[in-house]
């Protein structure tokens, strides 16, 4: 195996600025800062062997900036869009953010069948997202002739959930460590179809949760968007 899977959170969107639960594609566009973040990522990370993105506008625009910077094309992939929040869609109030984070925390505690009101459960997200990554692995990363990383521009909450499940990362750590815009989780394929998480944003293993952290309360108090 000669490559890694880089799950990149899109650049800043206008919904992120508003701390709004914006999960239903196509969603909001990138801000000028979001475009700068994508450009910086491309300059610092170098050219991947494959660049892909979700169906959401903010992801496709992030990939377009990266592609333009590196002179390469990007591929759209279905199934890797953000966690669907259902009845909470479009809201930015503390109550909605707290409700989303309470359910999201339960997912990382192992309650994968719990669903957001009118939205998805963790198993719903995994059932549509994981097969896409498995296909990328089987087609490219498991081929010993393949060389280079695969960059997939996706979404913060979905990336954290999927990465924690696939690589066995502690759920408390995933809750404590949001992904900022244009930050990534890097997964490396290992034996028997398993994955190893080799980097989470700027952190490398072992991954330990923060002592005395309260993910829901911290997320509500935070000025950052809830989907990271």
Protein backbone atom coordinates (compact mmCIF):
# COMPACT_ATOMS: atom_id res chain seq x y z
CA UNK A 1 0.00 0.00 0.00
CA UNK A 2 1.50 3.29 -1.03
CA UNK A 3 -0.89 6.02 -0.07
CA UNK A 4 -3.09 7.48 2.64
CA UNK A 5 -6.62 8.79 2.83
CA UNK A 6 -6.79 12.48 3.78
CA UNK A 7 -10.28 13.44 4.94
CA UNK A 8 -10.24 17.22 4.65
CA UNK A 9 -12.86 19.49 6.15
CA UNK A 10 -13.95 22.17 3.67
CA UNK A 11 -12.91 25.80 4.00
CA UNK A 12 -14.96 28.30 5.97
CA UNK A 13 -18.52 28.77 4.70
CA UNK A 14 -20.96 31.57 5.38
CA UNK A 15 -22.96 29.18 7.54
CA UNK A 16 -19.88 28.47 9.63
CA UNK A 17 -19.55 32.18 10.33
CA UNK A 18 -23.18 32.25 11.48
CA UNK A 19 -22.73 29.05 13.54
CA UNK A 20 -25.70 27.67 11.60
CA UNK A 21 -26.59 23.99 11.24
CA UNK A 22 -26.25 23.81 7.46
CA UNK A 23 -26.20 20.15 6.45
CA UNK A 24 -28.62 19.70 3.55
CA UNK A 25 -26.86 19.94 0.16
CA UNK A 26 -26.13 22.11 -1.69
CA UNK A 27 -25.65 24.42 1.33
CA UNK A 28 -23.77 27.67 1.70
CA UNK A 29 -20.77 28.86 -0.31
CA UNK A 30 -17.24 29.50 0.89
CA UNK A 31 -16.26 32.85 2.34
CA UNK A 32 -13.15 34.60 0.96
CA UNK A 33 -11.30 33.25 4.01
CA UNK A 34 -12.53 29.75 3.13
CA UNK A 35 -11.01 30.08 -0.34
CA UNK A 36 -7.74 31.27 1.18
CA UNK A 37 -7.75 28.27 3.53
CA UNK A 38 -8.18 25.89 0.61
CA UNK A 39 -5.36 27.60 -1.29
CA UNK A 40 -3.06 27.37 1.74
CA UNK A 41 -3.85 23.69 2.19
CA UNK A 42 -2.93 23.02 -1.43
CA UNK A 43 0.35 24.91 -1.14
CA UNK A 44 1.36 23.19 2.07
CA UNK A 45 0.21 19.64 1.36
CA UNK A 46 1.41 19.20 -2.17
CA UNK A 47 -0.23 17.34 -5.03
CA UNK A 48 -2.32 14.27 -4.15
CA UNK A 49 -2.78 11.36 -6.51
CA UNK A 50 -6.56 11.85 -6.42
CA UNK A 51 -8.79 14.73 -5.32
CA UNK A 52 -12.48 14.22 -4.54
CA UNK A 53 -15.29 16.08 -2.80
CA UNK A 54 -18.85 15.73 -1.54
CA UNK A 55 -21.92 17.08 -3.32
CA UNK A 56 -22.11 20.17 -1.08
CA UNK A 57 -21.15 23.52 -2.62
CA UNK A 58 -18.62 24.35 0.11
CA UNK A 59 -16.82 21.06 -0.52
CA UNK A 60 -16.82 21.36 -4.30
CA UNK A 61 -15.56 24.95 -4.07
CA UNK A 62 -12.79 23.90 -1.69
CA UNK A 63 -11.74 21.15 -4.08
CA UNK A 64 -11.92 23.56 -7.02
CA UNK A 65 -9.48 25.96 -5.33
CA UNK A 66 -7.14 23.10 -4.47
CA UNK A 67 -7.40 21.76 -8.01
CA UNK A 68 -6.73 25.15 -9.57
CA UNK A 69 -3.71 25.68 -7.33
CA UNK A 70 -2.25 22.25 -8.14
CA UNK A 71 -3.47 22.08 -11.77
CA UNK A 72 -5.57 18.96 -11.34
CA UNK A 73 -9.22 17.98 -11.61
CA UNK A 74 -11.54 16.87 -8.82
CA UNK A 75 -14.17 14.14 -8.69
CA UNK A 76 -17.56 14.40 -6.97
CA UNK A 77 -18.53 11.49 -4.72
CA UNK A 78 -22.03 10.80 -3.45
CA UNK A 79 -22.56 9.65 0.12
CA UNK A 80 -19.90 11.66 1.94
CA UNK A 81 -21.94 14.77 2.74
CA UNK A 82 -22.45 16.09 6.26
CA UNK A 83 -24.51 14.48 9.04
CA UNK A 84 -28.14 15.34 8.26
CA UNK A 85 -29.67 17.18 11.22
CA UNK A 86 -33.31 17.01 10.10
CA UNK A 87 -35.57 19.37 12.07
CA UNK A 88 -32.56 21.31 13.35
CA UNK A 89 -31.57 22.37 9.81
CA UNK A 90 -30.87 26.07 9.43
CA UNK A 91 -30.93 26.87 13.15
CA UNK A 92 -28.11 28.60 15.03
CA UNK A 93 -29.60 29.05 18.50
CA UNK A 94 -27.99 27.53 21.59
CA UNK A 95 -30.87 25.08 22.01
CA UNK A 96 -30.40 23.58 18.55
CA UNK A 97 -26.62 23.41 18.94
CA UNK A 98 -27.02 21.70 22.33
CA UNK A 99 -29.52 19.18 20.93
CA UNK A 100 -27.25 18.30 18.03
CA UNK A 101 -24.22 17.91 20.27
CA UNK A 102 -26.10 15.80 22.83
CA UNK A 103 -27.03 13.27 20.14
CA UNK A 104 -23.58 13.45 18.56
CA UNK A 105 -22.00 12.75 21.94
CA UNK A 106 -24.21 9.68 22.38
CA UNK A 107 -22.95 8.38 19.03
CA UNK A 108 -19.37 8.57 20.23
CA UNK A 109 -20.42 6.72 23.39
CA UNK A 110 -21.59 3.81 21.24
CA UNK A 111 -25.32 4.59 20.77
CA UNK A 112 -25.19 4.42 16.99
CA UNK A 113 -28.93 3.87 16.46
CA UNK A 114 -29.97 7.15 18.12
CA UNK A 115 -31.23 9.58 15.48
CA UNK A 116 -31.41 13.35 15.33
CA UNK A 117 -35.03 14.60 15.21
CA UNK A 118 -36.13 14.02 11.63
CA UNK A 119 -32.49 13.38 10.72
CA UNK A 120 -29.89 10.64 10.63
CA UNK A 121 -28.54 8.20 13.14
CA UNK A 122 -24.82 7.40 13.31
CA UNK A 123 -25.51 4.12 11.54
CA UNK A 124 -27.26 6.02 8.73
CA UNK A 125 -24.15 8.15 8.26
CA UNK A 126 -21.80 5.18 8.40
CA UNK A 127 -23.94 3.13 5.99
CA UNK A 128 -23.64 5.76 3.24
CA UNK A 129 -20.14 7.05 3.99
CA UNK A 130 -17.99 3.99 4.74
CA UNK A 131 -18.69 2.15 1.45
CA UNK A 132 -17.32 5.15 -0.45
CA UNK A 133 -14.05 4.97 1.47
CA UNK A 134 -13.94 1.20 1.09
CA UNK A 135 -14.29 1.58 -2.67
CA UNK A 136 -11.45 4.11 -2.78
CA UNK A 137 -9.29 1.74 -0.78
CA UNK A 138 -10.05 -1.30 -2.92
CA UNK A 139 -9.63 0.55 -6.19
CA UNK A 140 -6.52 2.54 -5.33
CA UNK A 141 -4.84 2.24 -1.94
CA UNK A 142 -4.77 -1.56 -1.86
CA UNK A 143 -3.07 -1.58 -5.26
CA UNK A 144 0.66 -1.82 -4.65
CA UNK A 145 1.24 0.01 -7.91
CA UNK A 146 -0.66 3.03 -6.62
CA UNK A 147 1.38 5.97 -5.43
CA UNK A 148 0.20 9.03 -3.53
CA UNK A 149 -2.48 10.20 -1.16
CA UNK A 150 -6.19 10.58 -1.82
CA UNK A 151 -7.65 13.87 -0.58
CA UNK A 152 -11.40 13.78 0.05
CA UNK A 153 -13.03 17.14 0.86
CA UNK A 154 -15.87 16.42 3.24
CA UNK A 155 -17.42 17.69 6.49
CA UNK A 156 -16.35 17.97 10.11
CA UNK A 157 -18.94 16.01 12.08
CA UNK A 158 -19.06 13.21 9.53
CA UNK A 159 -15.27 12.99 9.30
CA UNK A 160 -14.84 12.76 13.07
CA UNK A 161 -17.50 10.08 13.43
CA UNK A 162 -16.31 7.93 10.54
CA UNK A 163 -12.64 8.26 11.43
CA UNK A 164 -13.21 7.34 15.06
CA UNK A 165 -15.20 4.25 14.10
CA UNK A 166 -12.89 3.05 11.31
CA UNK A 167 -9.63 3.61 13.16
CA UNK A 168 -10.79 2.86 16.70
CA UNK A 169 -10.04 6.38 17.94
CA UNK A 170 -11.39 7.05 21.43
CA UNK A 171 -14.82 8.69 21.20
CA UNK A 172 -13.96 11.15 23.95
CA UNK A 173 -10.96 12.30 21.98
CA UNK A 174 -13.09 12.77 18.85
CA UNK A 175 -15.58 14.85 20.85
CA UNK A 176 -12.86 16.96 22.44
CA UNK A 177 -11.02 17.68 19.22
CA UNK A 178 -13.06 19.48 16.59
CA UNK A 179 -11.67 20.01 13.12
CA UNK A 180 -11.24 23.60 12.09
CA UNK A 181 -11.94 24.54 8.50
CA UNK A 182 -9.34 23.05 6.14
CA UNK A 183 -8.02 20.69 8.80
CA UNK A 184 -7.91 16.97 8.14
CA UNK A 185 -7.82 13.48 9.56
CA UNK A 186 -5.32 11.17 7.86
CA UNK A 187 -6.07 7.44 7.72
CA UNK A 188 -3.59 4.82 6.60
CA UNK A 189 -4.74 1.39 5.38
CA UNK A 190 -3.37 -1.52 7.40
CA UNK A 191 -3.93 -5.27 7.27
CA UNK A 192 -7.29 -7.06 7.06
CA UNK A 193 -9.16 -4.03 5.76
CA UNK A 194 -8.50 -1.99 8.88
CA UNK A 195 -7.37 1.63 9.15
CA UNK A 196 -4.90 3.43 11.37
CA UNK A 197 -5.32 7.12 12.21
CA UNK A 198 -1.90 8.70 11.76
CA UNK A 199 -2.90 12.34 12.20
CA UNK A 200 -5.90 14.22 13.58
CA UNK A 201 -5.57 17.89 12.62
CA UNK A 202 -2.12 18.76 14.06
CA UNK A 203 -2.12 15.85 16.54
CA UNK A 204 -0.47 12.44 16.16
CA UNK A 205 -1.13 9.24 18.12
CA UNK A 206 -1.63 8.22 20.82
CA UNK A 207 -4.86 10.20 21.03
CA UNK A 208 -6.00 11.01 24.55
CA UNK A 209 -9.22 12.81 25.54
CA UNK A 210 -9.02 16.04 27.49
CA UNK A 211 -9.46 15.73 31.24
CA UNK A 212 -12.73 17.09 32.65
CA UNK A 213 -14.08 18.01 29.21
CA UNK A 214 -17.81 18.59 28.73
CA UNK A 215 -18.38 18.39 24.95
CA UNK A 216 -21.99 19.59 24.84
CA UNK A 217 -21.52 22.52 27.21
CA UNK A 218 -18.22 23.48 25.58
CA UNK A 219 -19.78 23.41 22.11
CA UNK A 220 -22.71 25.61 23.14
CA UNK A 221 -20.45 28.15 24.81
CA UNK A 222 -18.03 28.19 21.91
CA UNK A 223 -18.23 30.86 19.23
CA UNK A 224 -17.20 28.30 16.61
CA UNK A 225 -19.68 26.49 14.37
CA UNK A 226 -21.05 23.23 15.78
CA UNK A 227 -20.23 20.93 12.87
CA UNK A 228 -16.44 20.88 13.28
